[in-house]
C-alpha atoms as a PDB file:
ATOM      1  CA  MET A   1     -59.850 -29.296 150.797  1.00  0.00           C
ATOM      2  CA  SER A   2     -56.105 -29.946 150.943  1.00  0.00           C
ATOM      3  CA  GLY A   3     -56.132 -28.968 154.635  1.00  0.00           C
ATOM      4  CA  ALA A   4     -58.896 -31.494 155.312  1.00  0.00           C
ATOM      5  CA  LEU A   5     -56.918 -34.181 153.488  1.00  0.00           C
ATOM      6  CA  ASP A   6     -53.842 -33.392 155.607  1.00  0.00           C
ATOM      7  CA  LEU A   7     -56.044 -33.655 158.702  1.00  0.00           C
ATOM      8  CA  ALA A   8     -57.496 -37.016 157.635  1.00  0.00           C
ATOM      9  CA  PHE A   9     -54.154 -38.559 156.691  1.00  0.00           C
ATOM     10  CA  ALA A  10     -52.631 -37.507 160.036  1.00  0.00           C
ATOM     11  CA  VAL A  11     -55.455 -38.778 162.297  1.00  0.00           C
ATOM     12  CA  GLY A  12     -53.999 -41.206 164.818  1.00  0.00           C
ATOM     13  CA  GLY A  13     -50.539 -39.667 164.946  1.00  0.00           C
ATOM     14  CA  SER A  14     -48.052 -42.435 165.734  1.00  0.00           C
ATOM     15  CA  ILE A  15     -50.815 -45.039 166.202  1.00  0.00           C
ATOM     16  CA  ASP A  16     -50.982 -47.621 163.400  1.00  0.00           C
ATOM     17  CA  LYS A  17     -53.830 -46.529 161.121  1.00  0.00           C
ATOM     18  CA  LYS A  18     -55.547 -49.896 161.530  1.00  0.00           C
ATOM     19  CA  GLY A  19     -55.572 -49.329 165.276  1.00  0.00           C
ATOM     20  CA  VAL A  20     -57.220 -45.885 165.365  1.00  0.00           C
ATOM     21  CA  LYS A  21     -60.758 -47.164 166.011  1.00  0.00           C
ATOM     22  CA  SER A  22     -59.562 -49.445 168.805  1.00  0.00           C
ATOM     23  CA  ALA A  23     -57.481 -46.623 170.347  1.00  0.00           C
ATOM     24  CA  VAL A  24     -60.354 -44.140 170.415  1.00  0.00           C
ATOM     25  CA  GLU A  25     -62.663 -46.752 171.954  1.00  0.00           C
ATOM     26  CA  GLN A  26     -60.056 -47.475 174.649  1.00  0.00           C
ATOM     27  CA  TYR A  27     -59.710 -43.738 175.240  1.00  0.00           C
ATOM     28  CA  GLU A  28     -63.496 -43.284 175.596  1.00  0.00           C
ATOM     29  CA  ASN A  29     -63.692 -46.115 178.134  1.00  0.00           C
ATOM     30  CA  TYR A  30     -61.436 -44.187 180.520  1.00  0.00           C
ATOM     31  CA  HIS A  31     -64.127 -41.533 180.993  1.00  0.00           C
ATOM     32  CA  GLY A  32     -67.227 -41.261 183.156  1.00  0.00           C
ATOM     33  CA  TYR A  33     -69.340 -40.432 180.119  1.00  0.00           C
ATOM     34  CA  PHE A  34     -68.732 -44.063 179.025  1.00  0.00           C
ATOM     35  CA  GLY A  35     -68.632 -45.649 182.481  1.00  0.00           C
ATOM     36  CA  GLY A  36     -64.975 -45.010 183.370  1.00  0.00           C
ATOM     37  CA  ASP A  37     -63.783 -43.528 186.662  1.00  0.00           C
ATOM     38  CA  GLU A  38     -61.327 -40.913 187.905  1.00  0.00           C
ATOM     39  CA  GLU A  39     -58.979 -43.371 189.634  1.00  0.00           C
ATOM     40  CA  THR A  40     -58.548 -45.421 186.444  1.00  0.00           C
ATOM     41  CA  ARG A  41     -57.790 -42.240 184.484  1.00  0.00           C
ATOM     42  CA  LYS A  42     -55.214 -41.158 187.039  1.00  0.00           C
ATOM     43  CA  ALA A  43     -53.582 -44.591 187.161  1.00  0.00           C
ATOM     44  CA  ASN A  44     -53.337 -44.689 183.360  1.00  0.00           C
ATOM     45  CA  TYR A  45     -52.837 -40.963 182.688  1.00  0.00           C
ATOM     46  CA  ASN A  46     -49.776 -41.413 180.457  1.00  0.00           C
ATOM     47  CA  ASP A  47     -51.557 -43.808 178.109  1.00  0.00           C
ATOM     48  CA  MET A  48     -54.770 -41.778 178.186  1.00  0.00           C
ATOM     49  CA  VAL A  49     -53.128 -38.421 177.425  1.00  0.00           C
ATOM     50  CA  SER A  50     -50.779 -39.860 174.794  1.00  0.00           C
ATOM     51  CA  LYS A  51     -53.720 -41.556 173.025  1.00  0.00           C
ATOM     52  CA  TYR A  52     -55.747 -38.350 173.228  1.00  0.00           C
ATOM     53  CA  TYR A  53     -53.077 -36.273 171.491  1.00  0.00           C
ATOM     54  CA  ASP A  54     -52.220 -38.953 168.951  1.00  0.00           C
ATOM     55  CA  LEU A  55     -55.901 -38.976 167.993  1.00  0.00           C
ATOM     56  CA  SER A  56     -56.664 -35.264 168.212  1.00  0.00           C
ATOM     57  CA  THR A  57     -53.527 -33.350 167.158  1.00  0.00           C
ATOM     58  CA  SER A  58     -54.335 -33.196 163.435  1.00  0.00           C
ATOM     59  CA  PHE A  59     -57.814 -31.822 164.281  1.00  0.00           C
ATOM     60  CA  TYR A  60     -56.320 -29.186 166.575  1.00  0.00           C
ATOM     61  CA  GLU A  61     -53.735 -28.106 164.044  1.00  0.00           C
ATOM     62  CA  TYR A  62     -56.419 -27.900 161.337  1.00  0.00           C
ATOM     63  CA  GLY A  63     -58.728 -25.789 163.521  1.00  0.00           C
ATOM     64  CA  TRP A  64     -56.459 -23.785 165.829  1.00  0.00           C
ATOM     65  CA  GLY A  65     -53.116 -23.643 164.068  1.00  0.00           C
ATOM     66  CA  GLU A  66     -49.923 -24.459 165.974  1.00  0.00           C
ATOM     67  CA  SER A  67     -50.967 -23.100 169.408  1.00  0.00           C
ATOM     68  CA  PHE A  68     -53.603 -25.287 171.039  1.00  0.00           C
ATOM     69  CA  HIS A  69     -54.921 -22.956 173.722  1.00  0.00           C
ATOM     70  CA  PHE A  70     -57.492 -20.293 174.568  1.00  0.00           C
ATOM     71  CA  ALA A  71     -56.846 -16.666 175.532  1.00  0.00           C
ATOM     72  CA  ASN A  72     -58.674 -13.785 177.124  1.00  0.00           C
ATOM     73  CA  ARG A  73     -59.527 -11.350 174.358  1.00  0.00           C
ATOM     74  CA  TRP A  74     -60.006  -7.644 173.782  1.00  0.00           C
ATOM     75  CA  LYS A  75     -62.700  -6.174 171.542  1.00  0.00           C
ATOM     76  CA  GLY A  76     -61.367  -5.735 168.005  1.00  0.00           C
ATOM     77  CA  GLU A  77     -58.649  -8.343 168.603  1.00  0.00           C
ATOM     78  CA  SER A  78     -58.613 -11.452 166.406  1.00  0.00           C
ATOM     79  CA  LEU A  79     -58.292 -14.926 167.919  1.00  0.00           C
ATOM     80  CA  ARG A  80     -54.790 -15.291 166.469  1.00  0.00           C
ATOM     81  CA  GLU A  81     -53.726 -11.894 167.866  1.00  0.00           C
ATOM     82  CA  SER A  82     -55.071 -12.784 171.321  1.00  0.00           C
ATOM     83  CA  ILE A  83     -53.190 -16.095 171.338  1.00  0.00           C
ATOM     84  CA  LYS A  84     -49.894 -14.382 170.471  1.00  0.00           C
ATOM     85  CA  ARG A  85     -50.432 -11.673 173.111  1.00  0.00           C
ATOM     86  CA  TYR A  86     -51.228 -14.372 175.687  1.00  0.00           C
ATOM     87  CA  GLU A  87     -47.914 -16.098 174.903  1.00  0.00           C
ATOM     88  CA  HIS A  88     -45.960 -12.834 174.965  1.00  0.00           C
ATOM     89  CA  PHE A  89     -47.498 -12.002 178.361  1.00  0.00           C
ATOM     90  CA  ILE A  90     -46.125 -15.153 179.986  1.00  0.00           C
ATOM     91  CA  ALA A  91     -42.682 -14.413 178.497  1.00  0.00           C
ATOM     92  CA  LEU A  92     -42.775 -10.881 179.928  1.00  0.00           C
ATOM     93  CA  GLN A  93     -43.899 -12.104 183.357  1.00  0.00           C
ATOM     94  CA  LEU A  94     -40.924 -14.468 183.460  1.00  0.00           C
ATOM     95  CA  GLY A  95     -38.529 -11.791 182.204  1.00  0.00           C
ATOM     96  CA  LEU A  96     -37.270 -14.022 179.408  1.00  0.00           C
ATOM     97  CA  GLU A  97     -34.277 -12.808 177.427  1.00  0.00           C
ATOM     98  CA  ARG A  98     -31.349 -13.997 175.334  1.00  0.00           C
ATOM     99  CA  GLY A  99     -29.132 -16.526 177.122  1.00  0.00           C
ATOM    100  CA  MET A 100     -31.854 -17.921 179.386  1.00  0.00           C
ATOM    101  CA  LYS A 101     -32.548 -21.648 179.424  1.00  0.00           C
ATOM    102  CA  VAL A 102     -36.322 -22.173 179.576  1.00  0.00           C
ATOM    103  CA  LEU A 103     -38.640 -25.205 179.829  1.00  0.00           C
ATOM    104  CA  ASP A 104     -42.105 -25.453 178.234  1.00  0.00           C
ATOM    105  CA  VAL A 105     -43.961 -28.179 180.187  1.00  0.00           C
ATOM    106  CA  GLY A 106     -46.395 -30.028 177.923  1.00  0.00           C
ATOM    107  CA  CYS A 107     -45.341 -28.227 174.753  1.00  0.00           C
ATOM    108  CA  GLY A 108     -47.588 -29.973 172.201  1.00  0.00           C
ATOM    109  CA  ILE A 109     -46.343 -29.310 168.665  1.00  0.00           C
ATOM    110  CA  GLY A 110     -44.528 -26.228 169.938  1.00  0.00           C
ATOM    111  CA  GLY A 111     -46.575 -23.273 168.702  1.00  0.00           C
ATOM    112  CA  PRO A 112     -46.139 -21.232 171.923  1.00  0.00           C
ATOM    113  CA  LEU A 113     -42.532 -22.399 172.241  1.00  0.00           C
ATOM    114  CA  ARG A 114     -41.615 -20.992 168.823  1.00  0.00           C
ATOM    115  CA  GLU A 115     -43.547 -17.755 169.332  1.00  0.00           C
ATOM    116  CA  ILE A 116     -41.945 -17.142 172.731  1.00  0.00           C
ATOM    117  CA  ALA A 117     -38.467 -17.971 171.381  1.00  0.00           C
ATOM    118  CA  ARG A 118     -38.918 -15.417 168.574  1.00  0.00           C
ATOM    119  CA  PHE A 119     -40.275 -12.843 171.013  1.00  0.00           C
ATOM    120  CA  SER A 120     -37.700 -13.250 173.793  1.00  0.00           C
ATOM    121  CA  PHE A 121     -34.583 -14.733 172.089  1.00  0.00           C
ATOM    122  CA  ALA A 122     -34.431 -17.288 174.927  1.00  0.00           C
ATOM    123  CA  SER A 123     -33.474 -20.929 174.325  1.00  0.00           C
ATOM    124  CA  ILE A 124     -36.505 -23.115 174.986  1.00  0.00           C
ATOM    125  CA  THR A 125     -36.842 -26.854 175.527  1.00  0.00           C
ATOM    126  CA  GLY A 126     -40.289 -28.383 175.133  1.00  0.00           C
ATOM    127  CA  LEU A 127     -41.299 -31.492 177.086  1.00  0.00           C
ATOM    128  CA  CYS A 128     -44.086 -33.727 175.766  1.00  0.00           C
ATOM    129  CA  ASN A 129     -45.177 -37.350 176.256  1.00  0.00           C
ATOM    130  CA  CYS A 130     -46.645 -37.760 172.748  1.00  0.00           C
ATOM    131  CA  GLU A 131     -44.183 -39.103 170.170  1.00  0.00           C
ATOM    132  CA  TYR A 132     -46.201 -37.784 167.232  1.00  0.00           C
ATOM    133  CA  GLN A 133     -46.314 -34.249 168.658  1.00  0.00           C
ATOM    134  CA  ILE A 134     -42.546 -34.291 169.244  1.00  0.00           C
ATOM    135  CA  ARG A 135     -41.932 -35.404 165.664  1.00  0.00           C
ATOM    136  CA  ARG A 136     -44.330 -32.822 164.244  1.00  0.00           C
ATOM    137  CA  GLY A 137     -42.929 -30.078 166.480  1.00  0.00           C
ATOM    138  CA  LYS A 138     -39.358 -30.723 165.341  1.00  0.00           C
ATOM    139  CA  GLU A 139     -40.506 -30.503 161.700  1.00  0.00           C
ATOM    140  CA  LEU A 140     -42.130 -27.129 162.421  1.00  0.00           C
ATOM    141  CA  ASN A 141     -39.050 -25.893 164.335  1.00  0.00           C
ATOM    142  CA  GLN A 142     -36.942 -26.645 161.281  1.00  0.00           C
ATOM    143  CA  LEU A 143     -39.402 -24.989 158.890  1.00  0.00           C
ATOM    144  CA  ALA A 144     -39.385 -21.876 161.093  1.00  0.00           C
ATOM    145  CA  GLY A 145     -35.570 -21.796 161.198  1.00  0.00           C
ATOM    146  CA  LEU A 146     -35.623 -22.218 164.985  1.00  0.00           C
ATOM    147  CA  SER A 147     -33.901 -25.567 165.451  1.00  0.00           C
ATOM    148  CA  GLU A 148     -30.979 -23.849 167.185  1.00  0.00           C
ATOM    149  CA  SER A 149     -33.051 -22.132 169.885  1.00  0.00           C
ATOM    150  CA  CYS A 150     -35.957 -24.591 170.165  1.00  0.00           C
ATOM    151  CA  ASN A 151     -35.550 -28.190 171.275  1.00  0.00           C
ATOM    152  CA  MET A 152     -38.169 -30.847 172.064  1.00  0.00           C
ATOM    153  CA  VAL A 153     -37.769 -33.801 174.416  1.00  0.00           C
ATOM    154  CA  MET A 154     -39.963 -36.857 174.884  1.00  0.00           C
ATOM    155  CA  GLY A 155     -40.841 -37.317 178.542  1.00  0.00           C
ATOM    156  CA  ASP A 156     -43.364 -37.379 181.365  1.00  0.00           C
ATOM    157  CA  PHE A 157     -43.764 -34.197 183.411  1.00  0.00           C
ATOM    158  CA  MET A 158     -44.388 -36.349 186.502  1.00  0.00           C
ATOM    159  CA  LYS A 159     -40.840 -37.750 186.099  1.00  0.00           C
ATOM    160  CA  MET A 160     -38.932 -35.162 184.102  1.00  0.00           C
ATOM    161  CA  PRO A 161     -35.642 -36.235 182.456  1.00  0.00           C
ATOM    162  CA  PHE A 162     -33.666 -33.215 183.704  1.00  0.00           C
ATOM    163  CA  PRO A 163     -31.192 -32.713 186.589  1.00  0.00           C
ATOM    164  CA  ASP A 164     -32.111 -30.558 189.586  1.00  0.00           C
ATOM    165  CA  ASN A 165     -31.822 -26.767 189.196  1.00  0.00           C
ATOM    166  CA  THR A 166     -31.534 -26.844 185.379  1.00  0.00           C
ATOM    167  CA  PHE A 167     -33.771 -24.052 184.092  1.00  0.00           C
ATOM    168  CA  ASP A 168     -33.801 -20.259 184.441  1.00  0.00           C
ATOM    169  CA  ALA A 169     -37.588 -20.213 183.950  1.00  0.00           C
ATOM    170  CA  ILE A 170     -40.400 -22.722 183.422  1.00  0.00           C
ATOM    171  CA  TYR A 171     -43.874 -22.226 182.018  1.00  0.00           C
ATOM    172  CA  ALA A 172     -46.921 -24.342 181.165  1.00  0.00           C
ATOM    173  CA  ILE A 173     -49.818 -23.289 178.944  1.00  0.00           C
ATOM    174  CA  GLU A 174     -52.977 -25.345 179.527  1.00  0.00           C
ATOM    175  CA  ALA A 175     -50.853 -28.486 179.946  1.00  0.00           C
ATOM    176  CA  THR A 176     -50.425 -29.434 183.608  1.00  0.00           C
ATOM    177  CA  CYS A 177     -54.215 -29.922 183.776  1.00  0.00           C
ATOM    178  CA  HIS A 178     -53.391 -33.390 182.345  1.00  0.00           C
ATOM    179  CA  ALA A 179     -51.392 -34.321 185.469  1.00  0.00           C
ATOM    180  CA  PRO A 180     -52.940 -37.055 187.630  1.00  0.00           C
ATOM    181  CA  ASP A 181     -51.496 -35.386 190.748  1.00  0.00           C
ATOM    182  CA  VAL A 182     -50.976 -31.641 190.578  1.00  0.00           C
ATOM    183  CA  LEU A 183     -48.760 -31.547 193.680  1.00  0.00           C
ATOM    184  CA  GLY A 184     -46.452 -34.205 192.231  1.00  0.00           C
ATOM    185  CA  CYS A 185     -46.269 -32.290 188.959  1.00  0.00           C
ATOM    186  CA  TYR A 186     -45.469 -28.968 190.643  1.00  0.00           C
ATOM    187  CA  LYS A 187     -42.816 -30.679 192.797  1.00  0.00           C
ATOM    188  CA  GLU A 188     -41.080 -31.911 189.636  1.00  0.00           C
ATOM    189  CA  ILE A 189     -41.181 -28.404 188.162  1.00  0.00           C
ATOM    190  CA  TYR A 190     -39.807 -27.000 191.430  1.00  0.00           C
ATOM    191  CA  ARG A 191     -36.961 -29.549 191.335  1.00  0.00           C
ATOM    192  CA  ALA A 192     -35.916 -28.671 187.770  1.00  0.00           C
ATOM    193  CA  LEU A 193     -36.088 -24.889 188.323  1.00  0.00           C
ATOM    194  CA  LYS A 194     -33.071 -22.926 189.595  1.00  0.00           C
ATOM    195  CA  PRO A 195     -33.451 -21.288 193.040  1.00  0.00           C
ATOM    196  CA  GLY A 196     -34.746 -17.717 192.883  1.00  0.00           C
ATOM    197  CA  GLN A 197     -36.369 -18.267 189.477  1.00  0.00           C
ATOM    198  CA  CYS A 198     -40.025 -18.387 188.452  1.00  0.00           C
ATOM    199  CA  PHE A 199     -42.681 -20.753 187.126  1.00  0.00           C
ATOM    200  CA  ALA A 200     -45.720 -19.316 185.324  1.00  0.00           C
ATOM    201  CA  ALA A 201     -48.766 -21.127 184.014  1.00  0.00           C
ATOM    202  CA  TYR A 202     -52.227 -20.901 182.567  1.00  0.00           C
ATOM    203  CA  GLU A 203     -54.307 -23.631 184.221  1.00  0.00           C
ATOM    204  CA  TRP A 204     -57.665 -25.198 183.409  1.00  0.00           C
ATOM    205  CA  CYS A 205     -59.704 -24.939 186.621  1.00  0.00           C
ATOM    206  CA  LEU A 206     -63.133 -25.183 188.160  1.00  0.00           C
ATOM    207  CA  THR A 207     -64.250 -21.825 189.552  1.00  0.00           C
ATOM    208  CA  ASP A 208     -65.981 -21.021 192.836  1.00  0.00           C
ATOM    209  CA  HIS A 209     -69.314 -21.225 190.959  1.00  0.00           C
ATOM    210  CA  PHE A 210     -68.906 -24.981 190.439  1.00  0.00           C
ATOM    211  CA  ASP A 211     -71.285 -26.967 192.647  1.00  0.00           C
ATOM    212  CA  PRO A 212     -70.274 -30.641 192.990  1.00  0.00           C
ATOM    213  CA  THR A 213     -73.843 -31.530 194.025  1.00  0.00           C
ATOM    214  CA  ASN A 214     -75.305 -30.010 190.845  1.00  0.00           C
ATOM    215  CA  GLU A 215     -75.939 -32.742 188.262  1.00  0.00           C
ATOM    216  CA  SER A 216     -75.735 -30.300 185.336  1.00  0.00           C
ATOM    217  CA  HIS A 217     -72.343 -29.026 186.557  1.00  0.00           C
ATOM    218  CA  GLN A 218     -71.041 -32.583 186.901  1.00  0.00           C
ATOM    219  CA  LYS A 219     -72.207 -33.448 183.372  1.00  0.00           C
ATOM    220  CA  THR A 220     -70.394 -30.402 181.966  1.00  0.00           C
ATOM    221  CA  LYS A 221     -67.239 -31.349 183.890  1.00  0.00           C
ATOM    222  CA  ALA A 222     -67.421 -34.912 182.507  1.00  0.00           C
ATOM    223  CA  LEU A 223     -67.779 -33.614 178.927  1.00  0.00           C
ATOM    224  CA  ILE A 224     -64.665 -31.445 179.321  1.00  0.00           C
ATOM    225  CA  GLU A 225     -62.686 -34.350 180.803  1.00  0.00           C
ATOM    226  CA  LEU A 226     -63.752 -36.671 177.975  1.00  0.00           C
ATOM    227  CA  GLY A 227     -63.215 -34.181 175.170  1.00  0.00           C
ATOM    228  CA  ASP A 228     -59.885 -32.863 176.440  1.00  0.00           C
ATOM    229  CA  GLY A 229     -57.989 -35.825 177.887  1.00  0.00           C
ATOM    230  CA  LEU A 230     -58.235 -34.843 181.560  1.00  0.00           C
ATOM    231  CA  PRO A 231     -58.073 -37.238 184.527  1.00  0.00           C
ATOM    232  CA  ASP A 232     -59.905 -34.647 186.673  1.00  0.00           C
ATOM    233  CA  ILE A 233     -60.368 -30.868 186.861  1.00  0.00           C
ATOM    234  CA  ARG A 234     -59.036 -29.019 189.895  1.00  0.00           C
ATOM    235  CA  THR A 235     -60.255 -25.830 191.537  1.00  0.00           C
ATOM    236  CA  THR A 236     -58.203 -22.635 191.497  1.00  0.00           C
ATOM    237  CA  ASN A 237     -57.649 -22.974 195.256  1.00  0.00           C
ATOM    238  CA  GLN A 238     -56.340 -26.529 194.859  1.00  0.00           C
ATOM    239  CA  CYS A 239     -53.746 -25.270 192.365  1.00  0.00           C
ATOM    240  CA  LEU A 240     -52.581 -22.493 194.690  1.00  0.00           C
ATOM    241  CA  GLU A 241     -52.385 -24.860 197.654  1.00  0.00           C
ATOM    242  CA  ALA A 242     -50.377 -27.378 195.605  1.00  0.00           C
ATOM    243  CA  LEU A 243     -47.914 -24.654 194.580  1.00  0.00           C
ATOM    244  CA  ARG A 244     -47.315 -23.725 198.217  1.00  0.00           C
ATOM    245  CA  LEU A 245     -46.989 -27.352 199.320  1.00  0.00           C
ATOM    246  CA  ALA A 246     -44.442 -27.911 196.525  1.00  0.00           C
ATOM    247  CA  GLY A 247     -42.331 -25.100 198.042  1.00  0.00           C
ATOM    248  CA  PHE A 248     -43.203 -22.171 195.741  1.00  0.00           C
ATOM    249  CA  GLU A 249     -43.985 -18.624 196.805  1.00  0.00           C
ATOM    250  CA  VAL A 250     -47.051 -17.444 194.868  1.00  0.00           C
ATOM    251  CA  VAL A 251     -46.242 -13.974 193.492  1.00  0.00           C
ATOM    252  CA  TRP A 252     -49.710 -13.358 192.078  1.00  0.00           C
ATOM    253  CA  ALA A 253     -52.623 -15.151 190.453  1.00  0.00           C
ATOM    254  CA  LYS A 254     -55.701 -14.120 188.486  1.00  0.00           C
ATOM    255  CA  ASP A 255     -58.492 -15.661 186.425  1.00  0.00           C
ATOM    256  CA  PHE A 256     -58.302 -13.617 183.230  1.00  0.00           C
ATOM    257  CA  ALA A 257     -61.696 -14.942 182.128  1.00  0.00           C
ATOM    258  CA  LEU A 258     -63.413 -12.803 184.780  1.00  0.00           C
ATOM    259  CA  ASP A 259     -62.921  -9.461 183.038  1.00  0.00           C
ATOM    260  CA  SER A 260     -62.280 -10.553 179.442  1.00  0.00           C
ATOM    261  CA  PRO A 261     -64.312  -8.235 177.144  1.00  0.00           C
ATOM    262  CA  VAL A 262     -64.749 -11.123 174.676  1.00  0.00           C
ATOM    263  CA  PRO A 263     -65.609 -14.548 176.197  1.00  0.00           C
ATOM    264  CA  TRP A 264     -62.761 -17.060 175.874  1.00  0.00           C
ATOM    265  CA  TYR A 265     -65.180 -19.715 174.559  1.00  0.00           C
ATOM    266  CA  LEU A 266     -66.566 -17.503 171.761  1.00  0.00           C
ATOM    267  CA  PRO A 267     -64.668 -19.331 168.953  1.00  0.00           C
ATOM    268  CA  LEU A 268     -66.608 -22.527 169.817  1.00  0.00           C
ATOM    269  CA  ASP A 269     -70.002 -20.938 170.558  1.00  0.00           C
ATOM    270  CA  PRO A 270     -72.653 -22.356 168.162  1.00  0.00           C
ATOM    271  CA  ARG A 271     -74.488 -19.015 168.222  1.00  0.00           C
ATOM    272  CA  ARG A 272     -71.557 -17.297 166.561  1.00  0.00           C
ATOM    273  CA  LEU A 273     -70.265 -17.356 162.984  1.00  0.00           C
ATOM    274  CA  SER A 274     -66.827 -16.004 162.077  1.00  0.00           C
ATOM    275  CA  MET A 275     -65.096 -16.129 158.725  1.00  0.00           C
ATOM    276  CA  THR A 276     -61.636 -15.501 160.229  1.00  0.00           C
ATOM    277  CA  SER A 277     -61.831 -18.623 162.438  1.00  0.00           C
ATOM    278  CA  PHE A 278     -64.531 -20.441 160.476  1.00  0.00           C
ATOM    279  CA  ARG A 279     -63.153 -23.956 161.088  1.00  0.00           C
ATOM    280  CA  LEU A 280     -63.737 -23.539 164.842  1.00  0.00           C
ATOM    281  CA  THR A 281     -67.374 -22.456 164.550  1.00  0.00           C
ATOM    282  CA  ALA A 282     -70.279 -24.909 164.897  1.00  0.00           C
ATOM    283  CA  VAL A 283     -70.885 -24.758 161.129  1.00  0.00           C
ATOM    284  CA  GLY A 284     -67.188 -25.204 160.384  1.00  0.00           C
ATOM    285  CA  ARG A 285     -66.993 -28.180 162.742  1.00  0.00           C
ATOM    286  CA  VAL A 286     -70.010 -29.838 161.094  1.00  0.00           C
ATOM    287  CA  ILE A 287     -68.388 -29.411 157.671  1.00  0.00           C
ATOM    288  CA  THR A 288     -65.092 -30.838 158.990  1.00  0.00           C
ATOM    289  CA  LYS A 289     -66.907 -33.799 160.550  1.00  0.00           C
ATOM    290  CA  THR A 290     -68.757 -34.487 157.277  1.00  0.00           C
ATOM    291  CA  ILE A 291     -65.526 -34.337 155.244  1.00  0.00           C
ATOM    292  CA  VAL A 292     -63.740 -36.651 157.704  1.00  0.00           C
ATOM    293  CA  LYS A 293     -66.581 -39.176 157.662  1.00  0.00           C
ATOM    294  CA  THR A 294     -66.624 -39.103 153.855  1.00  0.00           C
ATOM    295  CA  LEU A 295     -62.861 -39.647 153.681  1.00  0.00           C
ATOM    296  CA  GLU A 296     -63.197 -42.475 156.202  1.00  0.00           C
ATOM    297  CA  PHE A 297     -65.951 -44.053 154.074  1.00  0.00           C
ATOM    298  CA  VAL A 298     -63.713 -44.041 150.974  1.00  0.00           C
ATOM    299  CA  HIS A 299     -60.759 -45.321 153.088  1.00  0.00           C
ATOM    300  CA  LEU A 300     -58.645 -42.168 152.765  1.00  0.00           C
ATOM    301  CA  ALA A 301     -58.951 -41.582 156.518  1.00  0.00           C
ATOM    302  CA  PRO A 302     -58.480 -44.412 159.043  1.00  0.00           C
ATOM    303  CA  GLU A 303     -61.509 -46.158 160.532  1.00  0.00           C
ATOM    304  CA  GLY A 304     -62.455 -44.372 163.739  1.00  0.00           C
ATOM    305  CA  SER A 305     -61.676 -40.843 162.472  1.00  0.00           C
ATOM    306  CA  GLY A 306     -65.343 -39.885 162.718  1.00  0.00           C
ATOM    307  CA  ILE A 307     -65.458 -41.039 166.346  1.00  0.00           C
ATOM    308  CA  VAL A 308     -62.462 -38.799 167.145  1.00  0.00           C
ATOM    309  CA  SER A 309     -64.330 -35.882 165.590  1.00  0.00           C
ATOM    310  CA  SER A 310     -67.378 -36.691 167.757  1.00  0.00           C
ATOM    311  CA  VAL A 311     -65.245 -36.786 170.934  1.00  0.00           C
ATOM    312  CA  LEU A 312     -63.853 -33.335 170.106  1.00  0.00           C
ATOM    313  CA  GLU A 313     -67.387 -32.071 169.459  1.00  0.00           C
ATOM    314  CA  LYS A 314     -68.248 -33.135 173.020  1.00  0.00           C
ATOM    315  CA  ALA A 315     -65.232 -31.096 174.157  1.00  0.00           C
ATOM    316  CA  ALA A 316     -66.607 -28.009 172.429  1.00  0.00           C
ATOM    317  CA  GLU A 317     -70.049 -28.590 173.960  1.00  0.00           C
ATOM    318  CA  GLY A 318     -68.639 -28.977 177.475  1.00  0.00           C
ATOM    319  CA  LEU A 319     -66.293 -25.992 177.190  1.00  0.00           C
ATOM    320  CA  VAL A 320     -69.028 -23.637 175.973  1.00  0.00           C
ATOM    321  CA  GLU A 321     -71.374 -24.850 178.721  1.00  0.00           C
ATOM    322  CA  GLY A 322     -68.635 -24.443 181.331  1.00  0.00           C
ATOM    323  CA  GLY A 323     -67.889 -20.931 180.118  1.00  0.00           C
ATOM    324  CA  ARG A 324     -71.497 -19.795 179.982  1.00  0.00           C
ATOM    325  CA  LYS A 325     -72.222 -21.178 183.465  1.00  0.00           C
ATOM    326  CA  GLU A 326     -68.949 -19.612 184.696  1.00  0.00           C
ATOM    327  CA  ILE A 327     -68.027 -22.897 186.407  1.00  0.00           C
ATOM    328  CA  PHE A 328     -64.861 -23.495 184.370  1.00  0.00           C
ATOM    329  CA  THR A 329     -61.932 -21.375 183.201  1.00  0.00           C
ATOM    330  CA  PRO A 330     -58.900 -22.140 181.003  1.00  0.00           C
ATOM    331  CA  ASN A 331     -57.495 -18.696 181.835  1.00  0.00           C
ATOM    332  CA  TYR A 332     -56.291 -19.102 185.423  1.00  0.00           C
ATOM    333  CA  PHE A 333     -52.829 -17.522 185.494  1.00  0.00           C
ATOM    334  CA  PHE A 334     -50.248 -17.644 188.253  1.00  0.00           C
ATOM    335  CA  LEU A 335     -46.635 -16.621 188.735  1.00  0.00           C
ATOM    336  CA  ALA A 336     -44.690 -18.498 191.423  1.00  0.00           C
ATOM    337  CA  ARG A 337     -41.091 -18.230 192.629  1.00  0.00           C
ATOM    338  CA  LYS A 338     -38.712 -20.877 193.944  1.00  0.00           C
ATOM    339  CA  PRO A 339     -36.995 -19.369 197.010  1.00  0.00           C
ATOM    340  CA  LEU A 340     -33.209 -18.935 197.092  1.00  0.00           C
END
């Protein structure tokens, strides 16, 4: 119950508690599910994404822990183990080691950043446009004893506050999907990366099975965009083309969802019940939603908290549908190099 109370008290992040209901209504109106359009989302991406994470971060931390991302998964591997392995993999692909200066683009509250710093001994800077996530991430860095090697900076990854050729490696884990213009985002990453060094990412993408003329596919896409703060969802080919146009050489790329023994969306699947990640299951989410609504009713949680919970439930619905139909993947990995 104490975890649920922490969740409820933190809903809204840096938004004034009296403004939570208004903020979530403004956020909803950006999306097609409520009559919004893609161009408006792209034009207002910074406000939309910042609002999304102010509203949702406490729910994510309550359900997922400190790392807000999926992972391909082996049989017999727990969700937490798969998430750590996924983070270690990107560190190994980039060859991270002590003395390297690394950037985490869209770092959230810094779960991957801290895990990768412990694993590689590299010095990592996280970039995030959400003030609440930066504040929370710095608290967690200090609690973990990693304030020396882990730093967090407030900023927009479309206009990064770093000089050219600053970093020895850059990575993004399910973050650049929030960019309104993927080419512009990759160009900024290219600019901040030293020549000869690499950028690695896990991207959220539409697969080749997505049919833009299929109404069911479009509905699923709209649910994911609404529930996850996305201006649009790109195809895997669009990401690769943007990398090349930005100047990168693509070393290799793969959708790890294709041969994952355990489906990436299993933690959210309503047909599944797990005691080790109970809060993520359909039953666990219903219990969380009921607790949040109760706390909102007795004024311990801000007005609008229940609506935030409902938006995130739509995210779960869309993600599971996208995974089952094989039209969406959060596991598209690539490694790209900036030429000398």
